[in-house]
Amino acid sequence: MHHTGYQPESVVLIGAGNAIDSALQKGLQKVGFRVQLLGREQLAANTLSTRSDAIVINAASCGSAPPGEARAICEAVRELPCTALLHLSSYAVFGRARRKKIDEEEEPSPASERGLEWLACEETFSSVENASILRLGWLVDRSENALLGRVLRSLLDGQPVNLEDVSRGNPVTVSDLVRVTVAIVQQLASGGPLSGVYHYGSADTCSSMEFGHEVVDRVRSLYGEDFAAELVALETEEEDRSSVLSCERLRDVFGIQQRSWRQGLTRQVELWLERLQKPVS
């Protein structure tokens, strides 16, 4: 292998069990890292042996593990020897935000069971000196049950799509998550700071309904303007549960710029259409 100059060159990826895993593995390998992907079963078996000079990425919380399991995985990951650890977390640790934009100094205050789980996972690494936390905006395409998959599946089935049109966020696609994560790991392996809390979300905000309209536009560009689609706004109490992350620290420390969630959306729609239409073997 061509020497990359990274120290270390090895990355241990704790998988989420969804589309994030293979995308991250390929992205890291593309820039020259040697990647070891570990799943829940290997962690549960308590038979892990990782190199102390590796960088660990913990994506386990980005999966659909039952309550308590994600934290148990984090506790196992905390004990792994490594040069640096990057834990992927979520805007959900803030619940109902009061600020227009949430920076890293805002005190977490989860408003849901899932948010409490996210926060518990973060707290697992609070005493780890070489751990960084990357909180992400809402992940729109990590699984078939995430927003993009739900919209496309309803469209293909000819069903109306019920979407919320009050609260706003800065969504993150898997492809953009990979771009940002790989860039952070490259800098961790090149002398960058080994600990910190960072936020990342898209440069522009939207509601679920606005996202749905953009997806419909992409589908019609592929299937024709006559493609039928019905988007229905959910009846809500008009409570604004917007959670928009401020991402200046990530830019200032690592030089990583925000991108629009619209960038590359057409390709993401194409890939998910292929996945959803693939016959079950």
Protein backbone atom coordinates (compact mmCIF):
# COMPACT_ATOMS: atom_id res chain seq x y z
CA MET A 1 0.00 0.00 0.00
CA HIS A 2 1.18 3.52 -0.79
CA HIS A 3 2.21 5.25 2.42
CA THR A 4 -0.25 8.02 3.19
CA GLY A 5 1.70 9.80 5.90
CA TYR A 6 -1.17 9.32 8.35
CA GLN A 7 -0.20 8.33 11.87
CA PRO A 8 -1.99 6.04 12.46
CA GLU A 9 -3.14 4.56 9.16
CA SER A 10 -5.55 2.10 10.83
CA VAL A 11 -9.19 2.88 11.62
CA VAL A 12 -11.57 0.71 13.63
CA LEU A 13 -15.17 1.44 12.62
CA ILE A 14 -17.89 0.42 15.08
CA GLY A 15 -20.82 -0.04 12.73
CA ALA A 16 -24.35 1.31 12.90
CA GLY A 17 -25.82 -1.69 11.10
CA ASN A 18 -27.21 0.38 8.22
CA ALA A 19 -26.15 2.28 5.09
CA ILE A 20 -23.61 4.35 7.04
CA ASP A 21 -21.24 1.41 7.53
CA SER A 22 -20.27 0.55 3.96
CA ALA A 23 -20.25 4.22 2.93
CA LEU A 24 -17.83 5.14 5.73
CA GLN A 25 -15.65 2.10 5.08
CA LYS A 26 -15.33 2.94 1.39
CA GLY A 27 -14.72 6.63 2.08
CA LEU A 28 -11.92 5.89 4.53
CA GLN A 29 -10.31 3.28 2.29
CA LYS A 30 -10.44 5.68 -0.65
CA VAL A 31 -8.07 8.09 1.11
CA GLY A 32 -5.70 5.32 2.19
CA PHE A 33 -6.81 4.12 5.63
CA ARG A 34 -6.85 0.46 6.59
CA VAL A 35 -10.33 -0.14 8.00
CA GLN A 36 -11.60 -2.81 10.37
CA LEU A 37 -15.41 -2.86 10.57
CA LEU A 38 -16.83 -4.28 13.80
CA GLY A 39 -20.49 -5.08 14.42
CA ARG A 40 -22.62 -5.50 17.53
CA GLU A 41 -22.05 -9.25 17.66
CA GLN A 42 -18.28 -8.86 17.94
CA LEU A 43 -18.66 -6.25 20.66
CA ALA A 44 -21.16 -8.39 22.57
CA ALA A 45 -18.82 -11.38 22.39
CA ASN A 46 -16.24 -9.35 24.33
CA THR A 47 -13.44 -10.74 22.17
CA LEU A 48 -12.14 -7.49 20.71
CA SER A 49 -8.48 -6.87 20.19
CA THR A 50 -7.63 -3.59 18.50
CA ARG A 51 -4.31 -1.89 17.91
CA SER A 52 -3.50 0.87 20.37
CA ASP A 53 -2.34 3.05 17.48
CA ALA A 54 -5.69 2.95 15.66
CA ILE A 55 -8.36 5.63 15.41
CA VAL A 56 -11.80 4.40 16.50
CA ILE A 57 -15.00 5.74 14.93
CA ASN A 58 -18.10 4.84 16.91
CA ALA A 59 -21.20 4.96 14.69
CA ALA A 60 -23.19 2.51 16.84
CA SER A 61 -25.59 5.19 18.11
CA CYS A 62 -26.62 5.98 14.51
CA GLY A 63 -28.29 2.57 14.22
CA SER A 64 -31.60 1.22 15.46
CA ALA A 65 -30.37 -0.66 18.53
CA PRO A 66 -32.98 -1.29 21.26
CA PRO A 67 -32.93 1.09 24.25
CA GLY A 68 -29.88 0.48 26.39
CA GLU A 69 -27.96 -1.50 23.77
CA ALA A 70 -26.31 1.51 22.15
CA ARG A 71 -25.01 2.66 25.55
CA ALA A 72 -23.70 -0.85 26.29
CA ILE A 73 -21.83 -0.76 22.99
CA CYS A 74 -20.39 2.64 23.87
CA GLU A 75 -19.20 1.31 27.21
CA ALA A 76 -17.40 -1.52 25.41
CA VAL A 77 -15.91 0.92 22.90
CA ARG A 78 -14.66 3.16 25.71
CA GLU A 79 -12.36 0.37 26.84
CA LEU A 80 -10.72 -0.09 23.44
CA PRO A 81 -7.09 1.10 23.22
CA CYS A 82 -6.72 3.77 20.54
CA THR A 83 -4.92 6.94 19.53
CA ALA A 84 -8.15 8.88 19.15
CA LEU A 85 -11.89 8.16 19.28
CA LEU A 86 -14.62 9.90 17.28
CA HIS A 87 -18.18 9.30 18.51
CA LEU A 88 -21.05 10.16 16.15
CA SER A 89 -23.98 11.70 18.01
CA SER A 90 -27.13 13.70 17.24
CA TYR A 91 -28.90 17.05 17.54
CA ALA A 92 -31.56 15.08 19.48
CA VAL A 93 -29.59 15.60 22.72
CA PHE A 94 -31.08 19.12 22.75
CA GLY A 95 -34.79 18.32 22.53
CA ARG A 96 -36.75 21.53 22.05
CA ALA A 97 -34.09 24.14 21.43
CA ARG A 98 -34.65 27.73 22.52
CA ARG A 99 -31.99 29.38 20.41
CA LYS A 100 -32.23 30.08 16.71
CA LYS A 101 -28.99 28.11 16.27
CA ILE A 102 -27.55 25.65 18.76
CA ASP A 103 -23.83 25.88 19.44
CA GLU A 104 -21.61 23.43 21.28
CA GLU A 105 -21.92 25.36 24.56
CA GLU A 106 -25.68 24.77 24.80
CA GLU A 107 -26.58 22.45 27.67
CA PRO A 108 -28.16 19.22 26.36
CA SER A 109 -31.79 18.73 27.40
CA PRO A 110 -33.33 15.72 25.61
CA ALA A 111 -37.12 15.66 25.24
CA SER A 112 -37.49 12.05 24.09
CA GLU A 113 -36.37 8.56 25.05
CA ARG A 114 -34.18 8.45 21.97
CA GLY A 115 -32.61 11.78 22.90
CA LEU A 116 -31.87 10.51 26.40
CA GLU A 117 -30.14 7.51 24.84
CA TRP A 118 -28.03 9.75 22.61
CA LEU A 119 -27.00 11.82 25.63
CA ALA A 120 -26.20 8.74 27.74
CA CYS A 121 -23.91 7.54 24.96
CA GLU A 122 -22.12 10.90 24.89
CA GLU A 123 -21.66 10.84 28.65
CA THR A 124 -19.98 7.45 28.38
CA PHE A 125 -17.00 9.21 26.78
CA SER A 126 -16.99 12.31 29.00
CA SER A 127 -13.87 11.19 30.90
CA VAL A 128 -11.99 9.88 27.85
CA GLU A 129 -9.20 12.37 27.16
CA ASN A 130 -8.74 11.52 23.49
CA ALA A 131 -12.45 11.38 22.55
CA SER A 132 -14.26 13.78 20.21
CA ILE A 133 -18.03 14.00 19.73
CA LEU A 134 -19.60 14.95 16.41
CA ARG A 135 -23.28 15.88 16.72
CA LEU A 136 -25.12 15.62 13.42
CA GLY A 137 -28.30 17.17 12.09
CA TRP A 138 -31.14 14.85 11.25
CA LEU A 139 -29.93 11.91 9.15
CA VAL A 140 -32.32 11.69 6.21
CA ASP A 141 -31.15 8.51 4.47
CA ARG A 142 -29.38 6.22 6.93
CA SER A 143 -32.06 3.49 6.56
CA GLU A 144 -35.31 2.72 4.74
CA ASN A 145 -37.18 4.08 7.77
CA ALA A 146 -35.44 7.45 7.61
CA LEU A 147 -37.09 10.37 5.82
CA LEU A 148 -35.83 9.82 2.27
CA GLY A 149 -36.70 6.11 2.28
CA ARG A 150 -40.17 6.74 3.74
CA VAL A 151 -40.96 9.41 1.15
CA LEU A 152 -39.76 7.30 -1.78
CA ARG A 153 -41.50 4.13 -0.58
CA SER A 154 -44.82 5.99 -0.25
CA LEU A 155 -44.39 7.53 -3.69
CA LEU A 156 -43.68 4.14 -5.28
CA ASP A 157 -46.71 2.65 -3.54
CA GLY A 158 -48.93 5.51 -4.72
CA GLN A 159 -49.67 6.53 -1.13
CA PRO A 160 -49.92 10.08 0.23
CA VAL A 161 -46.86 11.22 2.17
CA ASN A 162 -47.61 12.85 5.54
CA LEU A 163 -44.92 15.34 6.49
CA GLU A 164 -44.41 18.00 9.14
CA ASP A 165 -44.16 21.58 7.89
CA VAL A 166 -43.46 23.65 11.03
CA SER A 167 -40.16 22.61 12.58
CA ARG A 168 -36.90 23.12 10.73
CA GLY A 169 -33.48 21.49 10.89
CA ASN A 170 -30.28 21.23 8.89
CA PRO A 171 -30.37 17.65 7.53
CA VAL A 172 -27.39 15.45 6.74
CA THR A 173 -27.13 12.86 3.98
CA VAL A 174 -24.95 9.77 4.34
CA SER A 175 -22.64 11.04 1.60
CA ASP A 176 -22.07 14.31 3.47
CA LEU A 177 -21.62 12.48 6.78
CA VAL A 178 -18.87 10.44 5.13
CA ARG A 179 -17.19 13.56 3.71
CA VAL A 180 -17.08 15.26 7.10
CA THR A 181 -16.11 12.18 9.12
CA VAL A 182 -13.28 11.23 6.76
CA ALA A 183 -11.96 14.81 6.83
CA ILE A 184 -11.91 14.80 10.65
CA VAL A 185 -10.15 11.42 10.78
CA GLN A 186 -7.56 12.59 8.27
CA GLN A 187 -6.73 15.51 10.54
CA LEU A 188 -6.73 13.36 13.69
CA ALA A 189 -4.13 11.22 11.92
CA SER A 190 -2.14 14.31 10.94
CA GLY A 191 -1.68 15.95 14.32
CA GLY A 192 -5.10 17.54 14.78
CA PRO A 193 -6.67 18.05 18.25
CA LEU A 194 -7.72 14.71 19.75
CA SER A 195 -10.70 15.90 21.77
CA GLY A 196 -13.61 18.29 21.40
CA VAL A 197 -17.33 18.61 20.73
CA TYR A 198 -18.40 19.61 17.22
CA HIS A 199 -21.63 20.13 15.29
CA TYR A 200 -22.39 19.45 11.65
CA GLY A 201 -25.52 20.03 9.61
CA SER A 202 -26.25 21.29 6.12
CA ALA A 203 -25.71 24.93 5.22
CA ASP A 204 -29.42 25.48 4.56
CA THR A 205 -32.37 24.52 6.72
CA CYS A 206 -35.71 22.99 5.79
CA SER A 207 -38.81 21.30 7.16
CA SER A 208 -39.71 17.70 6.35
CA MET A 209 -42.29 19.01 3.88
CA GLU A 210 -39.74 21.15 2.03
CA PHE A 211 -37.41 18.16 1.84
CA GLY A 212 -40.26 16.03 0.49
CA HIS A 213 -41.01 18.54 -2.29
CA GLU A 214 -37.37 18.49 -3.37
CA VAL A 215 -37.42 14.67 -3.45
CA VAL A 216 -40.59 14.71 -5.58
CA ASP A 217 -38.88 17.10 -8.00
CA ARG A 218 -35.96 14.67 -8.33
CA VAL A 219 -38.28 11.70 -8.88
CA ARG A 220 -40.19 13.58 -11.56
CA SER A 221 -36.93 14.45 -13.30
CA LEU A 222 -36.34 10.68 -13.55
CA TYR A 223 -39.87 9.38 -14.18
CA GLY A 224 -41.50 12.31 -15.95
CA GLU A 225 -43.53 15.34 -14.88
CA ASP A 226 -46.76 13.31 -14.81
CA PHE A 227 -45.55 11.20 -11.89
CA ALA A 228 -48.29 11.41 -9.25
CA ALA A 229 -47.30 12.49 -5.76
CA GLU A 230 -49.39 13.73 -2.85
CA LEU A 231 -47.68 15.45 0.07
CA VAL A 232 -49.95 16.14 3.05
CA ALA A 233 -49.03 18.43 5.94
CA LEU A 234 -49.47 16.78 9.32
CA GLU A 235 -51.97 18.35 11.67
CA THR A 236 -49.89 19.73 14.52
CA GLU A 237 -50.30 22.07 17.44
CA GLU A 238 -48.06 24.48 15.56
CA GLU A 239 -45.31 23.89 18.12
CA ASP A 240 -41.95 24.83 16.66
CA ARG A 241 -39.51 22.03 17.53
CA SER A 242 -36.78 23.35 15.24
CA SER A 243 -33.22 22.19 15.95
CA VAL A 244 -30.64 23.92 13.80
CA LEU A 245 -27.00 23.26 14.63
CA SER A 246 -24.37 25.99 14.51
CA CYS A 247 -21.25 24.56 12.87
CA GLU A 248 -18.62 27.29 13.24
CA ARG A 249 -16.33 25.30 15.55
CA LEU A 250 -15.93 22.49 13.03
CA ARG A 251 -14.97 25.08 10.41
CA ASP A 252 -12.60 26.94 12.72
CA VAL A 253 -10.79 23.84 14.05
CA PHE A 254 -10.76 21.56 11.01
CA GLY A 255 -11.60 23.91 8.12
CA ILE A 256 -14.64 21.79 7.16
CA GLN A 257 -17.29 23.79 5.32
CA GLN A 258 -21.01 23.15 5.33
CA ARG A 259 -22.75 22.03 2.15
CA SER A 260 -26.34 22.25 1.02
CA TRP A 261 -28.42 19.12 1.58
CA ARG A 262 -29.60 19.61 -2.01
CA GLN A 263 -26.10 18.91 -3.29
CA GLY A 264 -26.00 15.36 -4.61
CA LEU A 265 -29.68 14.74 -3.73
CA THR A 266 -30.52 13.50 -7.23
CA ARG A 267 -27.89 10.79 -7.01
CA GLN A 268 -29.07 9.83 -3.51
CA VAL A 269 -32.63 9.51 -4.83
CA GLU A 270 -31.42 7.31 -7.69
CA LEU A 271 -29.54 4.99 -5.33
CA TRP A 272 -32.47 4.66 -2.93
CA LEU A 273 -34.92 4.01 -5.77
CA GLU A 274 -32.65 1.19 -6.95
CA ARG A 275 -32.48 -0.19 -3.41
CA LEU A 276 -36.23 -0.02 -2.78
CA GLN A 277 -37.11 -1.55 -6.14
CA LYS A 278 -34.59 -4.42 -5.90
CA PRO A 279 -36.40 -7.78 -5.68
CA VAL A 280 -36.10 -9.58 -2.35
CA SER A 281 -33.98 -12.73 -2.86
